[in-house]
Amino acid sequence: MALITYLTKIQFEVGSRRLLGAELEALGAKAPLIVADKGVVAAGIVAEVVAAGGLPADATVFDGTPENPTEEAVFEAVALFKSAGCDSVVAIGGGSPLDLAKAVSLMATHPAPLAQYAAILGGIGRIGKDKPPVIAVPTTAGTGSEVGRAALLTLADGRKLGFISPFMIPDVAICDPELTLGLPPRLTAATGMDALTHCIETYLSPRDNPPAEAIALDGLKRVAGNIRTAVADGSDLAARTEMMMAALEGGMTFQKGLGAVHSLSHPLGGLKELRLHHGTLNAVLLPAVLRYNAVGAEAKFARLGEALGAGPDADLAAEIVALNRDLGMPETLAAMGVPKDVLPQISEAAVLDHSTATNPRPIGAPEFLAILQEAWG
């Protein structure tokens, strides 16, 4: 299992980081900007990937990616891209560096302002293919951003918006499960629950896309069968490989659209006064959203229960609550430090999120607020 061509070119194999230089050469790129964050650089992962991939040790590196990528960071990285004479972007890290790298490629050739390219502001059609190539090298197993068509960015005015286009999908994804071996248990759990949520939400999306649904169910089975092992024993390469494939499949299913969990986690993640991890938010919000979406979705819920290994009659929300508890995830938004007084503001923002259109059950601000209150505790 080395080469998969689905949406984009994917090199999925233990040790595939060695292919980075060859993939850049195939794209005609000679001077990449490496986009990462300080944690990935400090852990030595960037240096390891650069060396294994045959890139020069003095390759240009932007390590200023925030936990939730921002408009300010995009333009800082674009300035470095241009001043260093770069011709491509290599993202190394979790979802934040990968999303930032996509936006850097976009703004390297597209005129400002960034906001005009946001999906909910009519920006999908404004994103063209004339942009530097991007290679994504994930070091977590969660976001699926390495094959996703979206980048989530927090604008200077505080809005967290999705930038979506087929042209935002990285040109190559290099998925090397060995790069996730050092991931701490808490982050393994949070990113794994992100992948699980992607598979569940896209499967429940009302859009007709049977291939995406099949991929979502397969991804969910892989998470259910391996996440506890990956969290308990981070050195288990087989479990790490299965989790990385599950994350990849979660990203592949994005073509079908997400739902209310992401409608809420996006504006919550944009709260500047807090640092809320996206995957953790998804894990905490998922049970309440499942309870809301259960109406009229009995057949799909039965198949999800089977994929989880809990059976067709399982209470999905209760199964996720139990899984969160097993993984040591917080039980409520209050436990994450979310102030109760922001919930009305978040519910209003969720209505405008691009994921709301593909929630399986119609939903408005009052329903969002009720879900938030339940998840808050």
Protein backbone atom coordinates (compact mmCIF):
# COMPACT_ATOMS: atom_id res chain seq x y z
CA MET A 1 0.00 0.00 0.00
CA ALA A 2 2.19 2.81 -1.28
CA LEU A 3 0.42 4.95 -3.88
CA ILE A 4 -3.23 5.96 -3.77
CA THR A 5 -4.68 8.39 -6.28
CA TYR A 6 -8.02 9.63 -4.97
CA LEU A 7 -8.71 13.37 -5.05
CA THR A 8 -4.95 13.88 -5.04
CA LYS A 9 -1.70 11.91 -5.01
CA ILE A 10 -1.16 10.12 -1.70
CA GLN A 11 2.01 8.37 -0.60
CA PHE A 12 0.91 6.25 2.36
CA GLU A 13 3.58 4.03 3.84
CA VAL A 14 5.90 3.72 6.81
CA GLY A 15 9.03 5.67 5.83
CA SER A 16 7.32 7.58 3.00
CA ARG A 17 8.85 10.84 4.26
CA ARG A 18 11.88 9.80 2.19
CA LEU A 19 9.84 10.59 -0.93
CA LEU A 20 9.54 14.33 -0.22
CA GLY A 21 12.43 15.42 -2.43
CA ALA A 22 11.30 13.24 -5.33
CA GLU A 23 7.74 14.58 -5.09
CA LEU A 24 8.97 18.18 -5.11
CA GLU A 25 11.08 17.39 -8.17
CA ALA A 26 8.07 15.84 -9.91
CA LEU A 27 6.19 19.09 -9.31
CA GLY A 28 9.07 21.11 -10.77
CA ALA A 29 9.69 22.76 -7.39
CA LYS A 30 13.17 23.60 -6.11
CA ALA A 31 12.72 26.10 -3.29
CA PRO A 32 9.95 25.12 -0.87
CA LEU A 33 8.77 27.09 2.12
CA ILE A 34 8.39 24.68 5.04
CA VAL A 35 5.31 25.61 7.09
CA ALA A 36 5.24 24.19 10.62
CA ASP A 37 4.80 25.28 14.21
CA LYS A 38 7.30 25.75 17.00
CA GLY A 39 6.37 22.49 18.70
CA VAL A 40 7.02 20.36 15.61
CA VAL A 41 10.31 22.18 15.03
CA ALA A 42 11.39 21.80 18.67
CA ALA A 43 10.58 18.08 18.58
CA GLY A 44 13.03 17.67 15.70
CA ILE A 45 10.36 16.41 13.33
CA VAL A 46 10.90 19.11 10.72
CA ALA A 47 14.64 18.46 10.65
CA GLU A 48 13.99 14.72 10.39
CA VAL A 49 11.57 15.10 7.46
CA VAL A 50 13.84 17.59 5.68
CA ALA A 51 16.84 15.27 6.04
CA ALA A 52 14.97 12.10 5.11
CA GLY A 53 13.45 13.81 2.09
CA GLY A 54 16.84 14.95 0.81
CA LEU A 55 16.16 18.67 1.20
CA PRO A 56 18.98 21.05 2.18
CA ALA A 57 19.38 21.59 5.92
CA ASP A 58 19.01 25.36 5.43
CA ALA A 59 15.57 25.09 3.77
CA THR A 60 13.38 28.11 4.54
CA VAL A 61 11.11 27.38 7.52
CA PHE A 62 8.13 29.33 8.83
CA ASP A 63 7.39 28.09 12.36
CA GLY A 64 4.89 30.76 13.41
CA THR A 65 1.70 28.76 12.92
CA PRO A 66 -0.68 29.40 15.87
CA GLU A 67 -2.78 26.62 17.41
CA ASN A 68 -5.70 27.93 15.36
CA PRO A 69 -4.25 29.43 12.15
CA THR A 70 -4.84 33.14 11.70
CA GLU A 71 -4.97 35.69 8.92
CA GLU A 72 -1.97 37.47 10.45
CA ALA A 73 0.13 34.29 10.30
CA VAL A 74 -0.87 33.70 6.68
CA PHE A 75 0.53 37.04 5.57
CA GLU A 76 3.66 36.66 7.71
CA ALA A 77 4.35 33.38 5.94
CA VAL A 78 3.51 34.83 2.51
CA ALA A 79 6.05 37.61 3.10
CA LEU A 80 8.71 35.01 3.91
CA PHE A 81 7.69 32.93 0.88
CA LYS A 82 8.25 35.91 -1.41
CA SER A 83 11.39 37.30 0.21
CA ALA A 84 13.08 33.88 0.13
CA GLY A 85 12.14 33.27 -3.50
CA CYS A 86 10.13 30.14 -2.74
CA ASP A 87 8.20 28.28 -5.42
CA SER A 88 6.22 25.73 -3.38
CA VAL A 89 4.94 24.99 0.11
CA VAL A 90 5.58 21.94 2.27
CA ALA A 91 3.38 21.64 5.35
CA ILE A 92 4.70 19.52 8.23
CA GLY A 93 2.55 19.10 11.32
CA GLY A 94 -1.05 18.82 12.40
CA GLY A 95 -4.11 20.43 10.91
CA SER A 96 -3.07 23.99 11.72
CA PRO A 97 0.19 24.04 9.68
CA LEU A 98 -1.56 22.14 6.88
CA ASP A 99 -4.41 24.65 6.72
CA LEU A 100 -2.03 27.59 6.98
CA ALA A 101 0.08 26.20 4.13
CA LYS A 102 -2.97 26.00 1.87
CA ALA A 103 -3.76 29.64 2.60
CA VAL A 104 -0.15 30.68 1.99
CA SER A 105 -0.26 29.07 -1.44
CA LEU A 106 -3.54 30.85 -2.14
CA MET A 107 -2.39 34.31 -1.10
CA ALA A 108 1.01 33.97 -2.79
CA THR A 109 -0.75 34.47 -6.13
CA HIS A 110 -4.25 35.78 -5.33
CA PRO A 111 -4.94 39.42 -4.47
CA ALA A 112 -5.93 40.48 -0.95
CA PRO A 113 -8.10 40.63 1.07
CA LEU A 114 -8.18 37.05 2.31
CA ALA A 115 -11.82 37.27 3.42
CA GLN A 116 -13.12 37.46 -0.15
CA TYR A 117 -12.20 33.78 -0.64
CA ALA A 118 -14.26 32.48 2.30
CA ALA A 119 -16.97 30.04 1.26
CA ILE A 120 -19.85 31.78 3.06
CA LEU A 121 -18.83 35.08 1.43
CA GLY A 122 -19.05 33.68 -2.09
CA GLY A 123 -15.35 32.95 -2.36
CA ILE A 124 -15.35 29.41 -3.75
CA GLY A 125 -15.41 30.56 -7.35
CA ARG A 126 -12.72 33.18 -6.74
CA ILE A 127 -10.09 30.57 -5.90
CA GLY A 128 -8.16 29.62 -9.04
CA LYS A 129 -5.64 26.93 -9.85
CA ASP A 130 -2.80 29.43 -10.43
CA LYS A 131 -1.00 28.91 -7.13
CA PRO A 132 2.21 27.27 -5.92
CA PRO A 133 2.03 23.51 -5.31
CA VAL A 134 1.52 22.22 -1.79
CA ILE A 135 2.80 18.99 -0.26
CA ALA A 136 1.23 18.00 3.05
CA VAL A 137 3.09 15.84 5.57
CA PRO A 138 0.77 15.19 8.54
CA THR A 139 2.27 14.40 11.94
CA THR A 140 -1.07 13.74 13.65
CA ALA A 141 -3.94 11.41 12.76
CA GLY A 142 -7.05 13.51 12.89
CA THR A 143 -7.83 16.42 10.61
CA GLY A 144 -7.52 14.78 7.20
CA SER A 145 -6.44 18.21 5.95
CA GLU A 146 -3.79 16.52 3.82
CA VAL A 147 -6.55 15.56 1.36
CA GLY A 148 -9.21 18.08 2.35
CA ARG A 149 -10.44 20.86 0.10
CA ALA A 150 -10.84 23.33 2.97
CA ALA A 151 -8.68 25.50 5.19
CA LEU A 152 -10.10 26.88 8.43
CA LEU A 153 -8.70 30.29 9.31
CA THR A 154 -9.44 32.89 11.96
CA LEU A 155 -9.63 36.35 10.41
CA ALA A 156 -8.33 39.48 12.06
CA ASP A 157 -11.90 40.39 13.08
CA GLY A 158 -12.29 37.10 14.98
CA ARG A 159 -14.42 35.17 12.49
CA LYS A 160 -13.31 31.57 11.90
CA LEU A 161 -14.23 30.80 8.29
CA GLY A 162 -13.78 28.00 5.80
CA PHE A 163 -11.89 28.53 2.55
CA ILE A 164 -13.04 25.78 0.22
CA SER A 165 -12.12 24.78 -3.32
CA PRO A 166 -10.84 21.73 -5.20
CA PHE A 167 -7.76 23.88 -5.81
CA MET A 168 -7.11 23.97 -2.06
CA ILE A 169 -6.46 20.23 -1.92
CA PRO A 170 -2.71 19.63 -1.55
CA ASP A 171 -1.00 18.36 -4.68
CA VAL A 172 0.63 15.51 -2.75
CA ALA A 173 -0.01 13.99 0.67
CA ILE A 174 2.87 12.10 2.28
CA CYS A 175 1.42 10.01 5.10
CA ASP A 176 4.10 8.33 7.18
CA PRO A 177 2.65 6.70 10.34
CA GLU A 178 6.08 6.76 11.99
CA LEU A 179 5.76 10.53 12.31
CA THR A 180 2.89 10.06 14.79
CA LEU A 181 4.75 7.74 17.18
CA GLY A 182 5.76 10.56 19.51
CA LEU A 183 2.26 12.06 19.79
CA PRO A 184 1.22 12.34 23.48
CA PRO A 185 -1.84 10.33 24.63
CA ARG A 186 -4.09 13.38 25.10
CA LEU A 187 -3.35 14.69 21.61
CA THR A 188 -3.67 11.20 20.14
CA ALA A 189 -7.14 10.98 21.69
CA ALA A 190 -8.22 14.46 20.59
CA THR A 191 -7.04 14.09 16.99
CA GLY A 192 -8.48 10.59 16.81
CA MET A 193 -11.88 11.86 17.92
CA ASP A 194 -11.60 14.52 15.23
CA ALA A 195 -11.23 11.77 12.62
CA LEU A 196 -14.14 9.84 14.14
CA THR A 197 -16.36 12.93 14.05
CA HIS A 198 -15.50 13.58 10.40
CA CYS A 199 -16.55 10.05 9.47
CA ILE A 200 -19.83 10.23 11.40
CA GLU A 201 -20.82 13.71 10.24
CA THR A 202 -20.08 13.13 6.58
CA TYR A 203 -21.90 9.80 6.64
CA LEU A 204 -24.99 11.54 8.04
CA SER A 205 -24.80 14.42 5.54
CA PRO A 206 -27.89 14.40 3.28
CA ARG A 207 -25.88 14.76 0.07
CA ASP A 208 -25.92 11.73 -2.21
CA ASN A 209 -22.38 10.36 -2.42
CA PRO A 210 -22.20 6.58 -1.89
CA PRO A 211 -18.39 6.33 -2.34
CA ALA A 212 -17.89 8.92 0.40
CA GLU A 213 -20.32 7.07 2.67
CA ALA A 214 -18.45 3.79 2.18
CA ILE A 215 -15.15 5.50 3.00
CA ALA A 216 -16.70 7.12 6.09
CA LEU A 217 -17.89 3.77 7.45
CA ASP A 218 -14.50 2.19 6.84
CA GLY A 219 -12.75 5.07 8.58
CA LEU A 220 -15.11 4.82 11.54
CA LYS A 221 -14.37 1.09 11.90
CA ARG A 222 -10.64 1.81 11.94
CA VAL A 223 -10.99 4.48 14.64
CA ALA A 224 -13.26 2.30 16.78
CA GLY A 225 -10.88 -0.63 16.55
CA ASN A 226 -7.63 1.22 17.21
CA ILE A 227 -8.01 4.52 19.07
CA ARG A 228 -7.88 3.01 22.56
CA THR A 229 -4.72 1.09 21.68
CA ALA A 230 -3.06 4.12 20.08
CA VAL A 231 -3.77 6.21 23.18
CA ALA A 232 -2.67 3.51 25.64
CA ASP A 233 0.46 2.49 23.70
CA GLY A 234 1.75 5.22 21.44
CA SER A 235 4.54 2.98 20.15
CA ASP A 236 2.10 0.52 18.55
CA LEU A 237 2.86 1.19 14.89
CA ALA A 238 0.01 -0.97 13.63
CA ALA A 239 -2.54 1.05 15.61
CA ARG A 240 -0.87 4.31 14.55
CA THR A 241 -1.06 3.21 10.91
CA GLU A 242 -4.76 2.40 11.20
CA MET A 243 -5.45 5.77 12.85
CA MET A 244 -3.58 7.64 10.13
CA MET A 245 -5.62 5.83 7.48
CA ALA A 246 -8.81 6.64 9.37
CA ALA A 247 -7.86 10.32 9.44
CA LEU A 248 -7.08 10.22 5.73
CA GLU A 249 -10.45 8.62 5.01
CA GLY A 250 -12.18 11.23 7.15
CA GLY A 251 -10.59 13.89 4.95
CA MET A 252 -11.65 12.08 1.79
CA THR A 253 -15.28 12.11 2.91
CA PHE A 254 -15.28 15.90 3.30
CA GLN A 255 -16.59 16.09 -0.27
CA LYS A 256 -20.00 15.14 1.17
CA GLY A 257 -20.10 17.95 3.73
CA LEU A 258 -20.04 18.03 7.53
CA GLY A 259 -22.71 19.07 10.05
CA ALA A 260 -23.69 20.76 13.29
CA VAL A 261 -20.69 19.57 15.31
CA HIS A 262 -18.38 21.53 13.03
CA SER A 263 -20.83 24.42 12.76
CA LEU A 264 -20.30 24.87 16.50
CA SER A 265 -16.64 23.91 16.87
CA HIS A 266 -15.55 26.42 14.22
CA PRO A 267 -16.75 29.58 16.05
CA LEU A 268 -15.77 28.10 19.42
CA GLY A 269 -12.27 27.55 18.06
CA GLY A 270 -12.19 31.17 16.93
CA LEU A 271 -12.58 32.57 20.46
CA LYS A 272 -9.37 34.51 20.90
CA GLU A 273 -9.45 34.52 24.69
CA LEU A 274 -9.37 30.71 24.78
CA ARG A 275 -7.20 28.03 23.17
CA LEU A 276 -9.69 25.30 22.36
CA HIS A 277 -8.47 22.24 20.48
CA HIS A 278 -10.68 21.45 17.49
CA GLY A 279 -10.73 17.68 17.97
CA THR A 280 -11.51 17.99 21.67
CA LEU A 281 -14.39 20.33 20.90
CA ASN A 282 -15.76 17.86 18.38
CA ALA A 283 -15.57 15.02 20.91
CA VAL A 284 -17.45 17.02 23.55
CA LEU A 285 -20.12 18.34 21.16
CA LEU A 286 -20.76 15.08 19.29
CA PRO A 287 -23.10 13.33 21.79
CA ALA A 288 -25.52 16.27 22.01
CA VAL A 289 -25.54 16.70 18.23
CA LEU A 290 -26.17 12.98 17.72
CA ARG A 291 -29.18 13.16 20.03
CA TYR A 292 -30.55 16.05 17.97
CA ASN A 293 -29.87 14.38 14.61
CA ALA A 294 -31.28 10.98 15.56
CA VAL A 295 -34.78 11.99 14.46
CA GLY A 296 -35.45 10.45 11.03
CA ALA A 297 -31.98 8.92 10.72
CA GLU A 298 -32.66 5.50 12.23
CA ALA A 299 -31.27 3.45 9.32
CA LYS A 300 -28.04 5.40 9.16
CA PHE A 301 -27.65 5.34 12.93
CA ALA A 302 -27.96 1.54 12.83
CA ARG A 303 -25.13 1.27 10.30
CA LEU A 304 -22.99 3.66 12.35
CA GLY A 305 -23.60 1.52 15.42
CA GLU A 306 -22.40 -1.54 13.54
CA ALA A 307 -19.28 0.30 12.33
CA LEU A 308 -18.54 1.31 15.91
CA GLY A 309 -18.78 -2.35 16.92
CA ALA A 310 -21.71 -1.58 19.23
CA GLY A 311 -24.48 -3.12 17.13
CA PRO A 312 -27.39 -1.65 15.13
CA ASP A 313 -29.51 -0.89 18.21
CA ALA A 314 -26.78 1.00 20.04
CA ASP A 315 -27.33 4.40 21.59
CA LEU A 316 -24.70 6.26 19.57
CA ALA A 317 -24.55 9.28 21.87
CA ALA A 318 -24.02 7.03 24.89
CA GLU A 319 -21.31 5.10 23.03
CA ILE A 320 -19.43 8.33 22.30
CA VAL A 321 -19.78 9.49 25.91
CA ALA A 322 -18.26 6.18 27.05
CA LEU A 323 -15.45 6.42 24.49
CA ASN A 324 -14.64 9.98 25.55
CA ARG A 325 -14.47 8.82 29.15
CA ASP A 326 -12.17 5.91 28.26
CA LEU A 327 -9.85 8.30 26.44
CA GLY A 328 -9.75 10.86 29.24
CA MET A 329 -11.48 13.57 27.25
CA PRO A 330 -13.28 16.42 29.07
CA GLU A 331 -16.97 15.71 29.56
CA THR A 332 -18.37 19.21 29.03
CA LEU A 333 -17.66 22.57 27.44
CA ALA A 334 -17.61 24.03 30.95
CA ALA A 335 -14.75 21.68 31.81
CA MET A 336 -12.88 23.10 28.81
CA GLY A 337 -13.25 26.61 30.21
CA VAL A 338 -15.96 27.86 27.83
CA PRO A 339 -17.90 30.70 29.54
CA LYS A 340 -21.66 30.16 29.50
CA ASP A 341 -22.32 33.73 28.42
CA VAL A 342 -20.74 33.15 24.97
CA LEU A 343 -23.19 30.39 24.03
CA PRO A 344 -25.81 32.68 22.38
CA GLN A 345 -23.07 34.33 20.32
CA ILE A 346 -21.74 30.94 19.22
CA SER A 347 -25.21 29.69 18.27
CA GLU A 348 -25.76 32.70 16.02
CA ALA A 349 -22.36 32.21 14.37
CA ALA A 350 -23.09 28.52 13.83
CA VAL A 351 -26.11 29.33 11.68
CA LEU A 352 -23.79 31.07 9.21
CA ASP A 353 -21.15 28.32 9.15
CA HIS A 354 -20.71 26.46 5.86
CA SER A 355 -21.23 23.07 7.58
CA THR A 356 -24.79 23.90 8.64
CA ALA A 357 -26.20 23.39 5.14
CA THR A 358 -25.28 19.69 5.24
CA ASN A 359 -26.52 18.84 8.72
CA PRO A 360 -29.00 15.97 8.26
CA ARG A 361 -31.76 17.77 10.18
CA PRO A 362 -32.68 21.45 9.67
CA ILE A 363 -31.25 23.55 12.47
CA GLY A 364 -31.34 27.18 13.55
CA ALA A 365 -30.02 29.37 16.34
CA PRO A 366 -32.49 28.13 19.03
CA GLU A 367 -31.57 24.50 18.34
CA PHE A 368 -27.86 25.29 18.30
CA LEU A 369 -28.23 27.05 21.64
CA ALA A 370 -30.03 24.07 23.15
CA ILE A 371 -27.22 21.75 21.96
CA LEU A 372 -24.58 24.08 23.41
CA GLN A 373 -26.38 24.25 26.74
CA GLU A 374 -26.55 20.45 26.88
CA ALA A 375 -22.86 20.12 25.99
CA TRP A 376 -21.88 22.87 28.44
CA GLY A 377 -23.13 20.73 31.34
